[in-house]
Amino acid sequence: MALLREIRAKARQILPPVLAVCVMGYFAYHSIQGERGYLALLRVEKDLAQARATEARLLAERTLLERDVNLLRLDGLDTDLLGERARMLLNYGLEDEYTILRETPDR
């Protein structure tokens, strides 16, 4: 009986620190691995960097397309660009012209 009392007394002394360590471990784990933890933050920052790079690329492409559209407007029609676009879309060329095919058009 004395042994049982001694075990209970020791358990009462040990139990609060053990519970505190378990709670701290739980929060430490979830602050790193959790849905909103540090690793999730790194993934979001990586995705954000990729999205910004895509945005910059698309903005540059849009600028080029807007330039081409402005050149094809009636008030400032560029005949060279019009002829180039017509030949490209209709797959048509003059007899004295050479056609150089590229995989990706440079602008």
N, C-alpha and C. Protein backbone atom coordinates (compact mmCIF):
# COMPACT_ATOMS: atom_id res chain seq x y z
N MET A 1 0.81 -1.18 0.00
CA MET A 1 0.00 0.00 0.00
C MET A 1 0.86 1.26 0.00
N ALA A 2 1.96 1.22 0.75
CA ALA A 2 2.86 2.37 0.81
C ALA A 2 3.51 2.60 -0.55
N LEU A 3 3.78 1.51 -1.25
CA LEU A 3 4.37 1.61 -2.59
C LEU A 3 3.40 2.30 -3.55
N LEU A 4 2.14 1.98 -3.45
CA LEU A 4 1.13 2.60 -4.31
C LEU A 4 1.01 4.10 -4.04
N ARG A 5 1.06 4.51 -2.78
CA ARG A 5 1.02 5.93 -2.44
C ARG A 5 2.25 6.66 -2.97
N GLU A 6 3.38 5.99 -2.87
CA GLU A 6 4.62 6.61 -3.35
C GLU A 6 4.58 6.80 -4.88
N ILE A 7 4.05 5.83 -5.58
CA ILE A 7 3.93 5.93 -7.04
C ILE A 7 2.97 7.06 -7.40
N ARG A 8 1.86 7.18 -6.71
CA ARG A 8 0.90 8.26 -6.97
C ARG A 8 1.53 9.63 -6.69
N ALA A 9 2.30 9.72 -5.65
CA ALA A 9 2.94 11.00 -5.31
C ALA A 9 3.95 11.39 -6.38
N LYS A 10 4.74 10.43 -6.83
CA LYS A 10 5.72 10.71 -7.89
C LYS A 10 5.01 11.06 -9.21
N ALA A 11 3.89 10.37 -9.50
CA ALA A 11 3.15 10.63 -10.73
C ALA A 11 2.57 12.04 -10.72
N ARG A 12 2.11 12.50 -9.56
CA ARG A 12 1.57 13.86 -9.46
C ARG A 12 2.66 14.89 -9.66
N GLN A 13 3.87 14.56 -9.30
CA GLN A 13 4.98 15.50 -9.50
C GLN A 13 5.45 15.50 -10.95
N ILE A 14 5.41 14.36 -11.60
CA ILE A 14 5.94 14.21 -12.96
C ILE A 14 4.90 14.58 -14.02
N LEU A 15 3.64 14.36 -13.76
CA LEU A 15 2.59 14.53 -14.76
C LEU A 15 2.52 15.95 -15.33
N PRO A 16 2.52 17.03 -14.57
CA PRO A 16 2.43 18.37 -15.18
C PRO A 16 3.59 18.71 -16.13
N PRO A 17 4.85 18.43 -15.78
CA PRO A 17 5.91 18.73 -16.75
C PRO A 17 5.81 17.87 -18.02
N VAL A 18 5.40 16.62 -17.87
CA VAL A 18 5.27 15.74 -19.03
C VAL A 18 4.15 16.26 -19.95
N LEU A 19 3.04 16.66 -19.37
CA LEU A 19 1.95 17.23 -20.18
C LEU A 19 2.39 18.53 -20.86
N ALA A 20 3.14 19.37 -20.14
CA ALA A 20 3.63 20.62 -20.72
C ALA A 20 4.56 20.35 -21.90
N VAL A 21 5.45 19.37 -21.76
CA VAL A 21 6.35 19.02 -22.85
C VAL A 21 5.57 18.47 -24.04
N CYS A 22 4.54 17.67 -23.79
CA CYS A 22 3.71 17.12 -24.87
C CYS A 22 2.98 18.24 -25.62
N VAL A 23 2.42 19.20 -24.88
CA VAL A 23 1.72 20.31 -25.52
C VAL A 23 2.69 21.16 -26.33
N MET A 24 3.86 21.43 -25.76
CA MET A 24 4.87 22.21 -26.49
C MET A 24 5.32 21.47 -27.74
N GLY A 25 5.50 20.16 -27.65
CA GLY A 25 5.88 19.37 -28.81
C GLY A 25 4.81 19.40 -29.89
N TYR A 26 3.55 19.33 -29.46
CA TYR A 26 2.44 19.40 -30.42
C TYR A 26 2.47 20.71 -31.19
N PHE A 27 2.59 21.83 -30.48
CA PHE A 27 2.60 23.12 -31.14
C PHE A 27 3.86 23.34 -31.97
N ALA A 28 4.99 22.85 -31.50
CA ALA A 28 6.24 22.98 -32.27
C ALA A 28 6.14 22.20 -33.58
N TYR A 29 5.60 20.99 -33.53
CA TYR A 29 5.45 20.18 -34.74
C TYR A 29 4.54 20.89 -35.75
N HIS A 30 3.39 21.37 -35.28
CA HIS A 30 2.43 22.00 -36.19
C HIS A 30 2.90 23.38 -36.67
N SER A 31 3.77 24.02 -35.93
CA SER A 31 4.29 25.31 -36.43
C SER A 31 5.28 25.09 -37.58
N ILE A 32 5.80 23.90 -37.70
CA ILE A 32 6.71 23.60 -38.81
C ILE A 32 5.99 22.81 -39.91
N GLN A 33 5.30 21.75 -39.54
CA GLN A 33 4.70 20.85 -40.52
C GLN A 33 3.23 21.11 -40.80
N GLY A 34 2.60 21.95 -40.06
CA GLY A 34 1.16 22.12 -40.16
C GLY A 34 0.70 22.78 -41.44
N GLU A 35 -0.62 22.90 -41.57
CA GLU A 35 -1.23 23.48 -42.77
C GLU A 35 -0.79 24.93 -42.97
N ARG A 36 -0.53 25.64 -41.89
CA ARG A 36 -0.06 27.02 -41.97
C ARG A 36 1.29 27.18 -41.31
N GLY A 37 2.09 26.14 -41.35
CA GLY A 37 3.40 26.15 -40.74
C GLY A 37 4.47 26.74 -41.65
N TYR A 38 5.72 26.57 -41.20
CA TYR A 38 6.85 27.15 -41.91
C TYR A 38 7.04 26.54 -43.30
N LEU A 39 6.90 25.24 -43.41
CA LEU A 39 7.08 24.59 -44.72
C LEU A 39 5.98 25.01 -45.70
N ALA A 40 4.77 25.21 -45.19
CA ALA A 40 3.69 25.70 -46.04
C ALA A 40 4.00 27.12 -46.51
N LEU A 41 4.59 27.93 -45.64
CA LEU A 41 4.98 29.29 -46.02
C LEU A 41 6.02 29.25 -47.14
N LEU A 42 6.98 28.35 -47.05
CA LEU A 42 7.99 28.23 -48.11
C LEU A 42 7.36 27.83 -49.43
N ARG A 43 6.39 26.91 -49.39
CA ARG A 43 5.70 26.51 -50.62
C ARG A 43 4.92 27.67 -51.23
N VAL A 44 4.26 28.44 -50.39
CA VAL A 44 3.49 29.58 -50.89
C VAL A 44 4.42 30.63 -51.50
N GLU A 45 5.56 30.88 -50.86
CA GLU A 45 6.51 31.84 -51.41
C GLU A 45 7.07 31.38 -52.75
N LYS A 46 7.31 30.08 -52.87
CA LYS A 46 7.79 29.53 -54.15
C LYS A 46 6.73 29.68 -55.23
N ASP A 47 5.48 29.37 -54.89
CA ASP A 47 4.38 29.53 -55.85
C ASP A 47 4.21 30.99 -56.25
N LEU A 48 4.38 31.89 -55.29
CA LEU A 48 4.26 33.32 -55.56
C LEU A 48 5.36 33.79 -56.52
N ALA A 49 6.58 33.30 -56.32
CA ALA A 49 7.69 33.67 -57.21
C ALA A 49 7.42 33.17 -58.63
N GLN A 50 6.89 31.95 -58.75
CA GLN A 50 6.56 31.42 -60.07
C GLN A 50 5.44 32.22 -60.72
N ALA A 51 4.46 32.62 -59.93
CA ALA A 51 3.35 33.41 -60.46
C ALA A 51 3.83 34.78 -60.93
N ARG A 52 4.75 35.38 -60.18
CA ARG A 52 5.28 36.68 -60.59
C ARG A 52 6.10 36.55 -61.87
N ALA A 53 6.86 35.47 -62.01
CA ALA A 53 7.63 35.26 -63.24
C ALA A 53 6.69 35.07 -64.43
N THR A 54 5.62 34.32 -64.22
CA THR A 54 4.64 34.12 -65.27
C THR A 54 3.95 35.44 -65.63
N GLU A 55 3.65 36.23 -64.61
CA GLU A 55 3.03 37.53 -64.86
C GLU A 55 3.95 38.43 -65.69
N ALA A 56 5.23 38.46 -65.36
CA ALA A 56 6.17 39.29 -66.11
C ALA A 56 6.27 38.83 -67.56
N ARG A 57 6.31 37.51 -67.76
CA ARG A 57 6.39 36.97 -69.13
C ARG A 57 5.13 37.33 -69.92
N LEU A 58 3.97 37.16 -69.29
CA LEU A 58 2.72 37.47 -69.98
C LEU A 58 2.57 38.96 -70.24
N LEU A 59 3.06 39.78 -69.33
CA LEU A 59 3.00 41.22 -69.54
C LEU A 59 3.86 41.64 -70.73
N ALA A 60 5.04 41.03 -70.85
CA ALA A 60 5.90 41.33 -72.00
C ALA A 60 5.23 40.88 -73.30
N GLU A 61 4.62 39.70 -73.26
CA GLU A 61 3.93 39.20 -74.45
C GLU A 61 2.74 40.10 -74.81
N ARG A 62 2.02 40.54 -73.79
CA ARG A 62 0.88 41.43 -74.04
C ARG A 62 1.34 42.76 -74.64
N THR A 63 2.46 43.28 -74.16
CA THR A 63 2.99 44.53 -74.70
C THR A 63 3.30 44.38 -76.19
N LEU A 64 3.91 43.26 -76.56
CA LEU A 64 4.21 43.02 -77.97
C LEU A 64 2.93 42.89 -78.80
N LEU A 65 1.95 42.19 -78.26
CA LEU A 65 0.69 42.04 -78.99
C LEU A 65 -0.03 43.38 -79.13
N GLU A 66 -0.01 44.19 -78.08
CA GLU A 66 -0.65 45.50 -78.17
C GLU A 66 0.05 46.38 -79.20
N ARG A 67 1.37 46.26 -79.29
CA ARG A 67 2.11 47.02 -80.29
C ARG A 67 1.68 46.59 -81.69
N ASP A 68 1.57 45.27 -81.90
CA ASP A 68 1.14 44.78 -83.21
C ASP A 68 -0.28 45.23 -83.55
N VAL A 69 -1.15 45.19 -82.55
CA VAL A 69 -2.54 45.61 -82.78
C VAL A 69 -2.58 47.10 -83.13
N ASN A 70 -1.81 47.90 -82.44
CA ASN A 70 -1.79 49.33 -82.75
C ASN A 70 -1.26 49.60 -84.15
N LEU A 71 -0.33 48.78 -84.62
CA LEU A 71 0.18 48.95 -85.97
C LEU A 71 -0.83 48.55 -87.04
N LEU A 72 -1.79 47.71 -86.67
CA LEU A 72 -2.79 47.25 -87.63
C LEU A 72 -4.07 48.10 -87.60
N ARG A 73 -4.14 49.11 -86.78
CA ARG A 73 -5.33 49.97 -86.74
C ARG A 73 -5.38 50.83 -88.00
N LEU A 74 -6.57 51.22 -88.38
CA LEU A 74 -6.75 51.96 -89.62
C LEU A 74 -6.08 53.32 -89.62
N ASP A 75 -6.04 53.99 -88.47
CA ASP A 75 -5.45 55.32 -88.45
C ASP A 75 -3.93 55.30 -88.59
N GLY A 76 -3.29 54.18 -88.31
CA GLY A 76 -1.84 54.10 -88.47
C GLY A 76 -1.43 52.75 -89.03
N LEU A 77 -2.04 52.36 -90.13
CA LEU A 77 -1.83 51.04 -90.71
C LEU A 77 -0.40 50.90 -91.23
N ASP A 78 0.29 49.89 -90.76
CA ASP A 78 1.65 49.59 -91.21
C ASP A 78 1.53 48.51 -92.28
N THR A 79 1.81 48.85 -93.52
CA THR A 79 1.62 47.91 -94.63
C THR A 79 2.60 46.74 -94.56
N ASP A 80 3.79 46.98 -94.03
CA ASP A 80 4.74 45.87 -93.91
C ASP A 80 4.23 44.81 -92.94
N LEU A 81 3.72 45.25 -91.82
CA LEU A 81 3.18 44.31 -90.84
C LEU A 81 1.94 43.62 -91.39
N LEU A 82 1.11 44.37 -92.09
CA LEU A 82 -0.08 43.78 -92.69
C LEU A 82 0.29 42.70 -93.70
N GLY A 83 1.27 42.98 -94.55
CA GLY A 83 1.71 41.98 -95.52
C GLY A 83 2.33 40.76 -94.85
N GLU A 84 3.10 41.00 -93.81
CA GLU A 84 3.72 39.89 -93.08
C GLU A 84 2.66 38.98 -92.47
N ARG A 85 1.66 39.59 -91.80
CA ARG A 85 0.59 38.81 -91.16
C ARG A 85 -0.24 38.07 -92.21
N ALA A 86 -0.52 38.72 -93.35
CA ALA A 86 -1.31 38.07 -94.40
C ALA A 86 -0.56 36.86 -94.96
N ARG A 87 0.73 37.02 -95.21
CA ARG A 87 1.51 35.89 -95.74
C ARG A 87 1.57 34.75 -94.73
N MET A 88 1.72 35.10 -93.45
CA MET A 88 1.83 34.07 -92.42
C MET A 88 0.51 33.32 -92.27
N LEU A 89 -0.60 34.04 -92.22
CA LEU A 89 -1.89 33.40 -92.01
C LEU A 89 -2.37 32.64 -93.24
N LEU A 90 -2.08 33.17 -94.41
CA LEU A 90 -2.55 32.53 -95.64
C LEU A 90 -1.54 31.56 -96.22
N ASN A 91 -0.37 31.47 -95.59
CA ASN A 91 0.70 30.61 -96.08
C ASN A 91 1.03 30.96 -97.54
N TYR A 92 1.25 32.23 -97.77
CA TYR A 92 1.45 32.76 -99.11
C TYR A 92 2.74 33.56 -99.13
N GLY A 93 3.48 33.46 -100.22
CA GLY A 93 4.70 34.24 -100.37
C GLY A 93 4.93 34.58 -101.83
N LEU A 94 5.74 35.56 -102.06
CA LEU A 94 6.08 35.95 -103.42
C LEU A 94 7.16 35.03 -103.96
N GLU A 95 7.36 35.04 -105.29
CA GLU A 95 8.33 34.13 -105.90
C GLU A 95 9.76 34.47 -105.52
N ASP A 96 10.05 35.71 -105.29
CA ASP A 96 11.43 36.10 -104.99
C ASP A 96 11.71 36.16 -103.48
N GLU A 97 10.82 35.64 -102.67
CA GLU A 97 11.01 35.65 -101.22
C GLU A 97 11.48 34.28 -100.73
N TYR A 98 12.26 34.31 -99.69
CA TYR A 98 12.70 33.09 -99.01
C TYR A 98 11.95 32.98 -97.69
N THR A 99 11.56 31.78 -97.36
CA THR A 99 10.85 31.54 -96.11
C THR A 99 11.76 30.79 -95.17
N ILE A 100 11.94 31.35 -93.99
CA ILE A 100 12.75 30.72 -92.95
C ILE A 100 11.81 30.32 -91.83
N LEU A 101 11.71 29.04 -91.55
CA LEU A 101 10.79 28.54 -90.54
C LEU A 101 11.55 28.40 -89.22
N ARG A 102 10.94 28.90 -88.17
CA ARG A 102 11.49 28.80 -86.83
C ARG A 102 10.46 28.15 -85.93
N GLU A 103 10.95 27.48 -84.86
CA GLU A 103 10.00 26.84 -83.95
C GLU A 103 9.26 27.87 -83.12
N THR A 104 9.98 28.85 -82.58
CA THR A 104 9.33 29.89 -81.79
C THR A 104 9.67 31.23 -82.39
N PRO A 105 8.65 32.02 -82.74
CA PRO A 105 8.94 33.32 -83.36
C PRO A 105 9.53 34.29 -82.34
N ASP A 106 10.60 34.98 -82.77
CA ASP A 106 11.21 36.03 -81.95
C ASP A 106 10.58 37.34 -82.33
N ARG A 107 10.47 38.23 -81.35
CA ARG A 107 9.89 39.55 -81.66
C ARG A 107 10.86 40.61 -81.31
